[in-house]
Amino acid sequence: MKLPLPEIEFELTAYQYEMMGFPGLKQGEPVSVVLDAGVLLPDVSAESWFTVQKEALPSRFVRVAPAHYAFAGQIREAELVNEDDEQTAVLQVDCGVVKLRVTCAPLADGRLPYGTWETRYLSGIGHVQGIFEDEFRTAIGQPTNLTLWSFQRLVLAPGDIHFGQWHETPDLLPQPLHHDRVIVTARVHRNGSGLGTS
């Protein structure tokens, strides 16, 4: 008996869609994206935060709000950067269902929490974006293979009669998003990374 494919959500930003050339996207289309939780702070009172530890954590990727996930897993890749006496780290975290890229900000003293490197375990919460066209200066980030399922578009155009309303559609038109926000629901391929069948 085949188990259903896990569903995930991510935001497709207006900038990413523009970089893609406004291709138009539709239900059932296979894509490969880097899932990125953005910049996380080492402060649990922040909206997006992280904590690191040596002891093993079970892999988790749990939706807590639209395109927001609580996550935990092992750090598989790390790139540490020292600029202007401040440390940052770009990490790939194995969350089981997906590999998540995160950028870790330093503590108030400019240093990362001890142990922010490969083989350690990271947990936290972040807003996940799908990166189709990558402009990062790092090689960290393994694409996840997905099948697009639906698009939820939050209308934010000033003066629009539908301002502040979500609309779900099976496709995304080949036109700029402008002010609107788009949350994509997709199904993770069984093999996760590398193009394959679902």
C-alpha atoms as a PDB file:
ATOM      1  CA  MET A   1       0.000   0.000   0.000  1.00  0.00           C
ATOM      2  CA  LYS A   2       1.406   3.395  -1.017  1.00  0.00           C
ATOM      3  CA  LEU A   3       1.398   6.110   1.606  1.00  0.00           C
ATOM      4  CA  PRO A   4       0.278   9.592   0.501  1.00  0.00           C
ATOM      5  CA  LEU A   5       3.072  11.967  -0.427  1.00  0.00           C
ATOM      6  CA  PRO A   6       3.833  14.556   2.266  1.00  0.00           C
ATOM      7  CA  GLU A   7       2.546  18.058   1.515  1.00  0.00           C
ATOM      8  CA  ILE A   8       4.485  21.189   2.336  1.00  0.00           C
ATOM      9  CA  GLU A   9       3.951  24.914   1.872  1.00  0.00           C
ATOM     10  CA  PHE A  10       6.372  27.654   0.909  1.00  0.00           C
ATOM     11  CA  GLU A  11       6.141  31.272  -0.131  1.00  0.00           C
ATOM     12  CA  LEU A  12       6.946  32.217  -3.707  1.00  0.00           C
ATOM     13  CA  THR A  13       8.045  35.854  -3.516  1.00  0.00           C
ATOM     14  CA  ALA A  14       7.336  38.443  -6.199  1.00  0.00           C
ATOM     15  CA  TYR A  15      11.117  38.792  -6.638  1.00  0.00           C
ATOM     16  CA  GLN A  16      11.627  35.046  -7.211  1.00  0.00           C
ATOM     17  CA  TYR A  17       8.751  34.909  -9.687  1.00  0.00           C
ATOM     18  CA  GLU A  18      10.238  37.852 -11.579  1.00  0.00           C
ATOM     19  CA  MET A  19      13.673  36.171 -11.649  1.00  0.00           C
ATOM     20  CA  MET A  20      11.981  33.086 -13.152  1.00  0.00           C
ATOM     21  CA  GLY A  21      10.534  35.266 -15.924  1.00  0.00           C
ATOM     22  CA  PHE A  22       6.874  34.886 -14.815  1.00  0.00           C
ATOM     23  CA  PRO A  23       6.595  31.399 -16.375  1.00  0.00           C
ATOM     24  CA  GLY A  24       3.118  30.529 -15.178  1.00  0.00           C
ATOM     25  CA  LEU A  25       2.868  27.474 -12.920  1.00  0.00           C
ATOM     26  CA  LYS A  26       0.197  24.807 -12.691  1.00  0.00           C
ATOM     27  CA  GLN A  27      -1.010  21.891 -10.610  1.00  0.00           C
ATOM     28  CA  GLY A  28       0.858  18.656 -11.336  1.00  0.00           C
ATOM     29  CA  GLU A  29       4.006  20.375 -12.606  1.00  0.00           C
ATOM     30  CA  PRO A  30       7.277  18.950 -11.199  1.00  0.00           C
ATOM     31  CA  VAL A  31       9.778  21.505  -9.870  1.00  0.00           C
ATOM     32  CA  SER A  32      13.017  21.514  -7.956  1.00  0.00           C
ATOM     33  CA  VAL A  33      13.458  24.229  -5.310  1.00  0.00           C
ATOM     34  CA  VAL A  34      15.743  25.056  -2.420  1.00  0.00           C
ATOM     35  CA  LEU A  35      13.634  25.488   0.699  1.00  0.00           C
ATOM     36  CA  ASP A  36      15.026  28.392   2.699  1.00  0.00           C
ATOM     37  CA  ALA A  37      13.945  29.512   6.181  1.00  0.00           C
ATOM     38  CA  GLY A  38      15.796  32.823   5.916  1.00  0.00           C
ATOM     39  CA  VAL A  39      17.737  34.495   8.713  1.00  0.00           C
ATOM     40  CA  LEU A  40      17.200  33.002  12.157  1.00  0.00           C
ATOM     41  CA  LEU A  41      18.230  34.635  15.426  1.00  0.00           C
ATOM     42  CA  PRO A  42      19.672  32.830  18.478  1.00  0.00           C
ATOM     43  CA  ASP A  43      16.853  34.286  20.584  1.00  0.00           C
ATOM     44  CA  VAL A  44      13.686  32.299  21.266  1.00  0.00           C
ATOM     45  CA  SER A  45      11.686  35.519  21.637  1.00  0.00           C
ATOM     46  CA  ALA A  46      12.314  36.345  17.954  1.00  0.00           C
ATOM     47  CA  GLU A  47       9.738  35.450  15.297  1.00  0.00           C
ATOM     48  CA  SER A  48      12.313  33.230  13.516  1.00  0.00           C
ATOM     49  CA  TRP A  49      14.900  31.632  15.805  1.00  0.00           C
ATOM     50  CA  PHE A  50      17.287  28.704  16.233  1.00  0.00           C
ATOM     51  CA  THR A  51      19.100  26.778  18.913  1.00  0.00           C
ATOM     52  CA  VAL A  52      21.940  24.301  18.498  1.00  0.00           C
ATOM     53  CA  GLN A  53      22.973  21.266  20.526  1.00  0.00           C
ATOM     54  CA  LYS A  54      25.355  18.325  20.394  1.00  0.00           C
ATOM     55  CA  GLU A  55      22.801  15.694  21.435  1.00  0.00           C
ATOM     56  CA  ALA A  56      20.789  14.032  18.676  1.00  0.00           C
ATOM     57  CA  LEU A  57      17.319  15.345  17.861  1.00  0.00           C
ATOM     58  CA  PRO A  58      14.708  13.474  15.852  1.00  0.00           C
ATOM     59  CA  SER A  59      14.150  15.005  12.409  1.00  0.00           C
ATOM     60  CA  ARG A  60      10.989  17.131  12.329  1.00  0.00           C
ATOM     61  CA  PHE A  61       9.332  19.543   9.868  1.00  0.00           C
ATOM     62  CA  VAL A  62       5.981  20.649  11.285  1.00  0.00           C
ATOM     63  CA  ARG A  63       3.696  23.305   9.811  1.00  0.00           C
ATOM     64  CA  VAL A  64       2.625  25.818  12.476  1.00  0.00           C
ATOM     65  CA  ALA A  65       1.138  28.543  10.198  1.00  0.00           C
ATOM     66  CA  PRO A  66       1.005  29.229   6.431  1.00  0.00           C
ATOM     67  CA  ALA A  67       4.563  28.549   5.154  1.00  0.00           C
ATOM     68  CA  HIS A  68       5.881  28.659   8.753  1.00  0.00           C
ATOM     69  CA  TYR A  69       7.540  25.544  10.120  1.00  0.00           C
ATOM     70  CA  ALA A  70       8.996  24.354  13.378  1.00  0.00           C
ATOM     71  CA  PHE A  71      11.939  22.145  12.471  1.00  0.00           C
ATOM     72  CA  ALA A  72      14.672  19.981  13.941  1.00  0.00           C
ATOM     73  CA  GLY A  73      17.460  17.916  12.466  1.00  0.00           C
ATOM     74  CA  GLN A  74      21.142  17.348  11.955  1.00  0.00           C
ATOM     75  CA  ILE A  75      23.352  19.967  10.324  1.00  0.00           C
ATOM     76  CA  ARG A  76      24.669  18.281   7.162  1.00  0.00           C
ATOM     77  CA  GLU A  77      26.566  21.201   5.616  1.00  0.00           C
ATOM     78  CA  ALA A  78      27.858  24.456   7.047  1.00  0.00           C
ATOM     79  CA  GLU A  79      29.531  27.544   5.663  1.00  0.00           C
ATOM     80  CA  LEU A  80      30.765  29.943   8.332  1.00  0.00           C
ATOM     81  CA  VAL A  81      31.411  33.566   7.394  1.00  0.00           C
ATOM     82  CA  ASN A  82      33.392  36.196   9.328  1.00  0.00           C
ATOM     83  CA  GLU A  83      32.777  39.765   8.167  1.00  0.00           C
ATOM     84  CA  ASP A  84      33.339  42.963  10.138  1.00  0.00           C
ATOM     85  CA  ASP A  85      33.936  40.990  13.345  1.00  0.00           C
ATOM     86  CA  GLU A  86      30.582  39.232  13.013  1.00  0.00           C
ATOM     87  CA  GLN A  87      30.014  35.548  12.416  1.00  0.00           C
ATOM     88  CA  THR A  88      27.143  34.108  10.412  1.00  0.00           C
ATOM     89  CA  ALA A  89      26.514  30.593   9.170  1.00  0.00           C
ATOM     90  CA  VAL A  90      24.599  29.175   6.238  1.00  0.00           C
ATOM     91  CA  LEU A  91      23.529  25.633   7.096  1.00  0.00           C
ATOM     92  CA  GLN A  92      21.725  22.746   5.516  1.00  0.00           C
ATOM     93  CA  VAL A  93      19.604  20.907   8.059  1.00  0.00           C
ATOM     94  CA  ASP A  94      18.249  17.416   7.405  1.00  0.00           C
ATOM     95  CA  CYS A  95      14.644  17.650   8.624  1.00  0.00           C
ATOM     96  CA  GLY A  96      13.678  14.182   7.384  1.00  0.00           C
ATOM     97  CA  VAL A  97      11.071  15.040   4.741  1.00  0.00           C
ATOM     98  CA  VAL A  98      13.168  17.938   3.370  1.00  0.00           C
ATOM     99  CA  LYS A  99      16.605  19.501   3.547  1.00  0.00           C
ATOM    100  CA  LEU A 100      16.218  23.073   4.813  1.00  0.00           C
ATOM    101  CA  ARG A 101      18.671  25.926   4.271  1.00  0.00           C
ATOM    102  CA  VAL A 102      18.923  28.421   7.123  1.00  0.00           C
ATOM    103  CA  THR A 103      21.109  31.437   7.815  1.00  0.00           C
ATOM    104  CA  CYS A 104      22.105  31.768  11.460  1.00  0.00           C
ATOM    105  CA  ALA A 105      22.728  35.248  12.871  1.00  0.00           C
ATOM    106  CA  PRO A 106      25.184  35.835  15.745  1.00  0.00           C
ATOM    107  CA  LEU A 107      24.637  36.607  19.392  1.00  0.00           C
ATOM    108  CA  ALA A 108      24.958  40.213  20.639  1.00  0.00           C
ATOM    109  CA  ASP A 109      28.754  39.786  20.872  1.00  0.00           C
ATOM    110  CA  GLY A 110      28.978  39.019  17.137  1.00  0.00           C
ATOM    111  CA  ARG A 111      29.748  35.321  17.678  1.00  0.00           C
ATOM    112  CA  LEU A 112      27.597  32.338  16.759  1.00  0.00           C
ATOM    113  CA  PRO A 113      26.403  30.058  19.551  1.00  0.00           C
ATOM    114  CA  TYR A 114      28.952  27.341  20.259  1.00  0.00           C
ATOM    115  CA  GLY A 115      28.501  24.288  18.052  1.00  0.00           C
ATOM    116  CA  THR A 116      26.922  25.959  15.005  1.00  0.00           C
ATOM    117  CA  TRP A 117      28.618  23.596  12.554  1.00  0.00           C
ATOM    118  CA  GLU A 118      28.275  20.235  10.785  1.00  0.00           C
ATOM    119  CA  THR A 119      27.276  17.124  12.782  1.00  0.00           C
ATOM    120  CA  ARG A 120      25.512  19.163  15.491  1.00  0.00           C
ATOM    121  CA  TYR A 121      21.722  19.413  15.720  1.00  0.00           C
ATOM    122  CA  LEU A 122      19.598  22.473  15.084  1.00  0.00           C
ATOM    123  CA  SER A 123      15.996  23.256  15.931  1.00  0.00           C
ATOM    124  CA  GLY A 124      13.908  26.372  15.531  1.00  0.00           C
ATOM    125  CA  ILE A 125      11.136  28.032  13.603  1.00  0.00           C
ATOM    126  CA  GLY A 126      11.120  29.973  10.349  1.00  0.00           C
ATOM    127  CA  HIS A 127       9.139  31.266   7.386  1.00  0.00           C
ATOM    128  CA  VAL A 128       9.954  29.014   4.415  1.00  0.00           C
ATOM    129  CA  GLN A 129      10.467  30.378   0.909  1.00  0.00           C
ATOM    130  CA  GLY A 130      11.000  28.394  -2.262  1.00  0.00           C
ATOM    131  CA  ILE A 131      14.148  29.495  -4.080  1.00  0.00           C
ATOM    132  CA  PHE A 132      13.916  28.651  -7.785  1.00  0.00           C
ATOM    133  CA  GLU A 133      16.627  31.054  -8.978  1.00  0.00           C
ATOM    134  CA  ASP A 134      19.490  31.268  -6.493  1.00  0.00           C
ATOM    135  CA  GLU A 135      21.652  34.375  -6.111  1.00  0.00           C
ATOM    136  CA  PHE A 136      23.376  33.324  -2.910  1.00  0.00           C
ATOM    137  CA  ARG A 137      27.163  33.369  -2.674  1.00  0.00           C
ATOM    138  CA  THR A 138      27.146  29.905  -1.111  1.00  0.00           C
ATOM    139  CA  ALA A 139      26.845  26.385  -2.436  1.00  0.00           C
ATOM    140  CA  ILE A 140      24.799  25.327   0.604  1.00  0.00           C
ATOM    141  CA  GLY A 141      21.288  24.201  -0.201  1.00  0.00           C
ATOM    142  CA  GLN A 142      20.063  20.972  -1.746  1.00  0.00           C
ATOM    143  CA  PRO A 143      17.023  21.245  -4.025  1.00  0.00           C
ATOM    144  CA  THR A 144      13.898  19.362  -3.039  1.00  0.00           C
ATOM    145  CA  ASN A 145      11.853  17.805  -5.835  1.00  0.00           C
ATOM    146  CA  LEU A 146       8.174  18.625  -5.596  1.00  0.00           C
ATOM    147  CA  THR A 147       4.949  18.403  -7.534  1.00  0.00           C
ATOM    148  CA  LEU A 148       3.005  21.662  -7.427  1.00  0.00           C
ATOM    149  CA  TRP A 149      -0.502  21.238  -6.055  1.00  0.00           C
ATOM    150  CA  SER A 150      -2.181  24.589  -5.401  1.00  0.00           C
ATOM    151  CA  PHE A 151      -1.557  28.304  -5.008  1.00  0.00           C
ATOM    152  CA  GLN A 152      -3.035  30.588  -2.373  1.00  0.00           C
ATOM    153  CA  ARG A 153      -2.776  34.247  -3.359  1.00  0.00           C
ATOM    154  CA  LEU A 154      -3.287  36.973  -0.772  1.00  0.00           C
ATOM    155  CA  VAL A 155      -4.490  40.088  -2.604  1.00  0.00           C
ATOM    156  CA  LEU A 156      -2.686  43.177  -1.299  1.00  0.00           C
ATOM    157  CA  ALA A 157      -2.920  45.551  -4.275  1.00  0.00           C
ATOM    158  CA  PRO A 158      -4.010  48.968  -2.957  1.00  0.00           C
ATOM    159  CA  GLY A 159      -7.607  49.704  -3.876  1.00  0.00           C
ATOM    160  CA  ASP A 160      -8.382  46.148  -5.076  1.00  0.00           C
ATOM    161  CA  ILE A 161     -11.940  45.080  -4.248  1.00  0.00           C
ATOM    162  CA  HIS A 162     -10.526  41.765  -2.892  1.00  0.00           C
ATOM    163  CA  PHE A 163      -7.864  43.450  -0.720  1.00  0.00           C
ATOM    164  CA  GLY A 164      -6.882  41.228   2.223  1.00  0.00           C
ATOM    165  CA  GLN A 165      -8.532  38.076   0.860  1.00  0.00           C
ATOM    166  CA  TRP A 166      -6.948  34.714   0.064  1.00  0.00           C
ATOM    167  CA  HIS A 167      -7.822  33.042  -3.238  1.00  0.00           C
ATOM    168  CA  GLU A 168      -6.871  29.421  -3.992  1.00  0.00           C
ATOM    169  CA  THR A 169      -6.233  28.357  -7.582  1.00  0.00           C
ATOM    170  CA  PRO A 170      -4.715  25.326  -9.370  1.00  0.00           C
ATOM    171  CA  ASP A 171      -2.412  27.599 -11.396  1.00  0.00           C
ATOM    172  CA  LEU A 172      -0.431  30.823 -11.215  1.00  0.00           C
ATOM    173  CA  LEU A 173      -0.760  33.147 -14.184  1.00  0.00           C
ATOM    174  CA  PRO A 174       2.329  34.311 -16.126  1.00  0.00           C
ATOM    175  CA  GLN A 175       2.188  37.867 -14.803  1.00  0.00           C
ATOM    176  CA  PRO A 176       3.904  39.857 -12.016  1.00  0.00           C
ATOM    177  CA  LEU A 177       2.707  39.338  -8.447  1.00  0.00           C
ATOM    178  CA  HIS A 178       3.319  43.013  -7.513  1.00  0.00           C
ATOM    179  CA  HIS A 179       2.040  43.448  -3.922  1.00  0.00           C
ATOM    180  CA  ASP A 180       0.361  40.047  -3.573  1.00  0.00           C
ATOM    181  CA  ARG A 181       1.716  37.187  -1.481  1.00  0.00           C
ATOM    182  CA  VAL A 182       1.647  33.621  -2.814  1.00  0.00           C
ATOM    183  CA  ILE A 183       1.794  30.446  -0.736  1.00  0.00           C
ATOM    184  CA  VAL A 184       2.471  27.307  -2.788  1.00  0.00           C
ATOM    185  CA  THR A 185       1.297  23.885  -1.633  1.00  0.00           C
ATOM    186  CA  ALA A 186       3.355  21.051  -3.096  1.00  0.00           C
ATOM    187  CA  ARG A 187       3.892  17.326  -2.617  1.00  0.00           C
ATOM    188  CA  VAL A 188       7.390  16.051  -1.892  1.00  0.00           C
ATOM    189  CA  HIS A 189       8.648  13.334  -4.249  1.00  0.00           C
ATOM    190  CA  ARG A 190       9.339  10.039  -2.512  1.00  0.00           C
ATOM    191  CA  ASN A 191      13.046  10.250  -3.240  1.00  0.00           C
ATOM    192  CA  GLY A 192      13.220  13.867  -1.977  1.00  0.00           C
ATOM    193  CA  SER A 193      16.268  15.097  -3.877  1.00  0.00           C
ATOM    194  CA  GLY A 194      17.232  14.536  -7.486  1.00  0.00           C
ATOM    195  CA  LEU A 195      14.511  14.441 -10.123  1.00  0.00           C
ATOM    196  CA  GLY A 196      12.542  11.268  -9.878  1.00  0.00           C
ATOM    197  CA  THR A 197       9.079   9.862  -9.899  1.00  0.00           C
ATOM    198  CA  SER A 198       6.540  10.338  -7.156  1.00  0.00           C
END
